[in-house]
Amino acid sequence: MRWRAAALLLALAAAGCATPNGEPSDPLEGLNRGVHAFNNGFDRVLARPVATAYRDWVHDEIRNRVRSFFSNLQDPMIGLHNMLQGKFEDGFLDWMRFAFNSTIGLFGLHDIATDMGYDKHEEDFGQTFGRWGIGAGPYLVLPFLGPSSARDGVGTVLGVLTDAVTYVEPEALRWGVYGVRFTQTRADYLEATRLIEEAALDHYVFTRDAFFQRRRNLVYDGRPPREEAR
């Protein structure tokens, strides 16, 4: 999944670099660029070095187990979103994934469900809202979290409220779990980040256009309707 996302971003390089100023989907461009610069600084100074050290020093097998564990925690809500979108079979399969991986797979440390033919899906509140006909709205860059939109920003808040990690106690342990998950995710995108930085003349515009196209593809499961000409 992460390599497909990286390939999509690279495919948008030419379009992203050529997007003119005054993009209607980005009325808050000045503010967004400031947050984008802040996020890039945070990534350069802290997030990327930590993720690089994690990738280089933690054995690949351990990182795979960490990735599988956090992925398994997502599956119950992914199943619910598929149900809310009318994809009942996919929703049921997501819950079956969670059942198999949480038991036979030892609390999700081993992704045996994929080997059994239960494919991983990617669904969230923003995608569900999109399938219900709610438009993306203006582009937003969220501190630390990166590219978003008005619709997906609301979805992010709801996603936090329904995230199992949000309710881990004590608080120190909760933030530790957040840190491990963030580091794992950032490590998975190290190569994609390098390729994007080499391809994009304007990193901000490239990221914005890639975000909108990727989210549109996710909302429509890779089969988006043809956009009307402006």
Protein backbone atom coordinates (compact mmCIF):
# COMPACT_ATOMS: atom_id res chain seq x y z
CA MET A 1 0.00 0.00 0.00
CA ARG A 2 2.71 2.49 0.92
CA TRP A 3 4.61 1.81 -2.32
CA ARG A 4 1.46 2.38 -4.38
CA ALA A 5 1.06 5.72 -2.63
CA ALA A 6 4.69 6.59 -3.38
CA ALA A 7 4.22 5.66 -7.04
CA LEU A 8 1.15 7.90 -7.24
CA LEU A 9 3.08 10.80 -5.76
CA LEU A 10 5.89 10.35 -8.27
CA ALA A 11 3.42 10.14 -11.15
CA LEU A 12 2.14 13.57 -10.14
CA ALA A 13 5.55 15.25 -10.23
CA ALA A 14 5.13 17.08 -13.50
CA ALA A 15 1.58 18.22 -12.73
CA GLY A 16 2.49 19.19 -9.19
CA CYS A 17 5.36 21.36 -10.29
CA ALA A 18 3.29 23.11 -12.92
CA THR A 19 0.26 24.00 -10.79
CA PRO A 20 -0.23 27.79 -10.88
CA ASN A 21 -0.71 30.05 -7.89
CA GLY A 22 -4.25 30.94 -6.89
CA GLU A 23 -5.51 27.35 -6.79
CA PRO A 24 -9.25 27.52 -5.91
CA SER A 25 -8.98 24.47 -3.65
CA ASP A 26 -6.35 26.25 -1.54
CA PRO A 27 -7.70 29.62 -0.38
CA LEU A 28 -5.54 29.41 2.77
CA GLU A 29 -2.30 28.91 0.87
CA GLY A 30 -0.33 31.49 2.86
CA LEU A 31 -1.20 29.91 6.19
CA ASN A 32 -0.83 26.40 4.82
CA ARG A 33 2.65 27.13 3.49
CA GLY A 34 3.69 28.31 6.92
CA VAL A 35 2.47 25.10 8.58
CA HIS A 36 4.03 23.08 5.75
CA ALA A 37 7.39 24.74 6.42
CA PHE A 38 7.03 24.06 10.15
CA ASN A 39 6.25 20.40 9.50
CA ASN A 40 9.23 20.07 7.17
CA GLY A 41 11.48 21.61 9.81
CA PHE A 42 10.18 19.25 12.49
CA ASP A 43 10.66 16.32 10.13
CA ARG A 44 14.19 17.34 9.19
CA VAL A 45 15.36 18.00 12.75
CA LEU A 46 13.61 15.22 14.67
CA ALA A 47 11.15 12.87 12.95
CA ARG A 48 13.33 11.79 10.03
CA PRO A 49 16.54 11.20 12.03
CA VAL A 50 14.62 9.13 14.60
CA ALA A 51 12.85 7.14 11.88
CA THR A 52 16.14 6.57 10.05
CA ALA A 53 17.82 5.29 13.21
CA TYR A 54 14.80 3.05 13.88
CA ARG A 55 14.99 1.60 10.37
CA ASP A 56 18.74 1.10 10.51
CA TRP A 57 19.03 -0.34 14.02
CA VAL A 58 15.80 -2.25 14.61
CA HIS A 59 15.66 -5.62 12.87
CA ASP A 60 13.27 -5.84 9.93
CA GLU A 61 11.37 -8.72 11.54
CA ILE A 62 10.63 -6.64 14.63
CA ARG A 63 9.52 -3.70 12.52
CA ASN A 64 7.19 -6.00 10.59
CA ARG A 65 5.61 -7.16 13.85
CA VAL A 66 5.15 -3.56 15.02
CA ARG A 67 3.59 -2.62 11.68
CA SER A 68 1.23 -5.61 11.80
CA PHE A 69 0.17 -4.85 15.37
CA PHE A 70 -0.87 -1.27 14.63
CA SER A 71 -2.46 -2.29 11.33
CA ASN A 72 -4.59 -4.85 13.17
CA LEU A 73 -5.88 -2.20 15.57
CA GLN A 74 -7.31 -0.31 12.58
CA ASP A 75 -9.32 -3.17 11.12
CA PRO A 76 -12.48 -2.95 13.32
CA MET A 77 -13.04 0.69 12.34
CA ILE A 78 -12.10 -0.01 8.73
CA GLY A 79 -14.79 -2.68 8.73
CA LEU A 80 -17.31 -0.22 10.16
CA HIS A 81 -16.47 2.35 7.48
CA ASN A 82 -16.94 -0.25 4.75
CA MET A 83 -20.33 -1.08 6.24
CA LEU A 84 -21.28 2.62 6.37
CA GLN A 85 -20.30 2.91 2.71
CA GLY A 86 -22.48 -0.03 1.74
CA LYS A 87 -19.57 -2.40 1.12
CA PHE A 88 -20.90 -5.06 3.45
CA GLU A 89 -18.77 -7.95 2.23
CA ASP A 90 -15.57 -5.93 2.64
CA GLY A 91 -16.67 -4.84 6.10
CA PHE A 92 -17.31 -8.42 7.17
CA LEU A 93 -13.91 -9.49 5.82
CA ASP A 94 -12.22 -6.68 7.75
CA TRP A 95 -13.76 -7.97 10.96
CA MET A 96 -12.68 -11.49 10.07
CA ARG A 97 -9.15 -10.18 9.56
CA PHE A 98 -9.21 -8.69 13.03
CA ALA A 99 -10.56 -11.90 14.57
CA PHE A 100 -7.92 -14.13 12.97
CA ASN A 101 -4.99 -11.78 13.53
CA SER A 102 -5.95 -11.02 17.13
CA THR A 103 -6.15 -14.70 18.06
CA ILE A 104 -4.09 -16.98 15.85
CA GLY A 105 -1.89 -14.03 14.92
CA LEU A 106 -1.09 -13.26 18.58
CA PHE A 107 -2.77 -9.85 19.05
CA GLY A 108 -1.96 -8.82 15.52
CA LEU A 109 1.79 -9.37 15.70
CA HIS A 110 1.47 -11.74 12.75
CA ASP A 111 -0.67 -10.88 9.74
CA ILE A 112 -1.93 -14.38 9.01
CA ALA A 113 -5.20 -13.04 7.58
CA THR A 114 -3.47 -11.73 4.45
CA ASP A 115 -1.91 -15.14 3.88
CA MET A 116 -5.42 -16.61 4.22
CA GLY A 117 -6.69 -14.34 1.44
CA TYR A 118 -8.29 -11.59 3.54
CA ASP A 119 -6.92 -8.46 1.90
CA LYS A 120 -6.17 -5.32 3.90
CA HIS A 121 -8.39 -2.32 3.14
CA GLU A 122 -7.85 1.37 3.83
CA GLU A 123 -10.89 3.31 4.97
CA ASP A 124 -11.47 6.25 7.32
CA PHE A 125 -14.02 8.93 8.19
CA GLY A 126 -12.90 11.21 5.37
CA GLN A 127 -13.44 8.48 2.79
CA THR A 128 -16.83 7.61 4.26
CA PHE A 129 -17.90 11.27 4.13
CA GLY A 130 -16.68 11.41 0.54
CA ARG A 131 -18.74 8.36 -0.43
CA TRP A 132 -21.75 10.07 1.16
CA GLY A 133 -21.27 12.96 -1.26
CA ILE A 134 -19.52 15.46 1.01
CA GLY A 135 -16.91 17.42 -0.93
CA ALA A 136 -13.30 17.67 0.18
CA GLY A 137 -13.49 21.41 0.83
CA PRO A 138 -10.44 23.67 1.04
CA TYR A 139 -6.96 22.27 1.49
CA LEU A 140 -5.54 22.32 5.02
CA VAL A 141 -2.09 21.51 6.34
CA LEU A 142 -2.31 20.24 9.91
CA PRO A 143 0.60 20.71 12.34
CA PHE A 144 2.62 17.47 12.59
CA LEU A 145 -0.05 15.52 10.65
CA GLY A 146 0.50 17.12 7.25
CA PRO A 147 -1.83 17.38 4.23
CA SER A 148 -5.58 17.35 4.81
CA SER A 149 -8.80 19.09 3.80
CA ALA A 150 -11.79 20.50 5.63
CA ARG A 151 -13.63 17.19 5.25
CA ASP A 152 -10.64 15.04 6.16
CA GLY A 153 -9.71 17.37 9.03
CA VAL A 154 -13.07 16.65 10.66
CA GLY A 155 -12.49 12.99 9.87
CA THR A 156 -9.11 13.14 11.59
CA VAL A 157 -10.69 14.47 14.80
CA LEU A 158 -13.29 11.69 14.75
CA GLY A 159 -10.55 9.19 13.95
CA VAL A 160 -8.63 10.22 17.07
CA LEU A 161 -11.76 9.88 19.19
CA THR A 162 -12.32 6.33 17.90
CA ASP A 163 -8.66 5.30 17.98
CA ALA A 164 -7.98 2.53 20.50
CA VAL A 165 -4.65 4.11 21.41
CA THR A 166 -6.46 7.26 22.60
CA TYR A 167 -7.76 5.32 25.58
CA VAL A 168 -4.54 3.63 26.64
CA GLU A 169 -3.70 4.30 30.29
CA PRO A 170 -1.59 5.60 31.93
CA GLU A 171 -0.97 8.71 29.85
CA ALA A 172 2.80 8.16 29.69
CA LEU A 173 2.22 4.76 28.09
CA ARG A 174 -0.27 6.25 25.65
CA TRP A 175 2.23 8.81 24.37
CA GLY A 176 4.86 6.10 24.15
CA VAL A 177 2.56 4.03 21.93
CA TYR A 178 1.83 7.10 19.80
CA GLY A 179 5.56 7.66 19.44
CA VAL A 180 6.28 4.11 18.34
CA ARG A 181 3.45 4.17 15.80
CA PHE A 182 4.52 7.55 14.42
CA THR A 183 8.14 6.39 14.10
CA GLN A 184 7.12 3.17 12.35
CA THR A 185 4.93 5.05 9.89
CA ARG A 186 7.61 7.65 9.19
CA ALA A 187 10.21 4.93 8.64
CA ASP A 188 7.94 3.28 6.05
CA TYR A 189 7.90 6.50 4.01
CA LEU A 190 11.59 7.40 4.11
CA GLU A 191 12.30 6.30 0.56
CA ALA A 192 9.12 7.91 -0.80
CA THR A 193 10.10 11.20 0.84
CA ARG A 194 13.52 11.12 -0.78
CA LEU A 195 12.05 10.50 -4.23
CA ILE A 196 9.51 13.30 -3.82
CA GLU A 197 12.16 15.79 -2.76
CA GLU A 198 14.20 14.92 -5.84
CA ALA A 199 11.21 15.18 -8.19
CA ALA A 200 9.34 18.26 -7.00
CA LEU A 201 10.34 21.82 -7.84
CA ASP A 202 7.72 23.17 -5.41
CA HIS A 203 7.37 20.66 -2.58
CA TYR A 204 4.25 22.35 -1.21
CA VAL A 205 2.31 22.35 -4.50
CA PHE A 206 3.43 18.83 -5.31
CA THR A 207 2.25 17.55 -1.92
CA ARG A 208 -1.08 19.36 -2.18
CA ASP A 209 -1.93 18.02 -5.64
CA ALA A 210 -0.77 14.52 -4.75
CA PHE A 211 -2.93 14.58 -1.62
CA PHE A 212 -6.11 15.52 -3.48
CA GLN A 213 -5.59 12.94 -6.21
CA ARG A 214 -4.76 10.16 -3.78
CA ARG A 215 -7.74 10.92 -1.54
CA ARG A 216 -10.05 11.01 -4.55
CA ASN A 217 -8.79 7.61 -5.62
CA LEU A 218 -9.29 6.24 -2.09
CA VAL A 219 -12.84 7.57 -1.84
CA TYR A 220 -13.77 5.79 -5.08
CA ASP A 221 -11.61 2.70 -4.50
CA GLY A 222 -9.32 3.53 -7.41
CA ARG A 223 -12.20 4.16 -9.87
CA PRO A 224 -13.04 7.88 -9.55
CA PRO A 225 -15.62 9.36 -11.94
CA ARG A 226 -14.39 11.64 -14.66
CA GLU A 227 -13.97 15.20 -13.39
CA GLU A 228 -15.88 17.90 -15.19
CA ALA A 229 -13.75 20.41 -17.06
CA ARG A 230 -13.49 23.79 -15.36
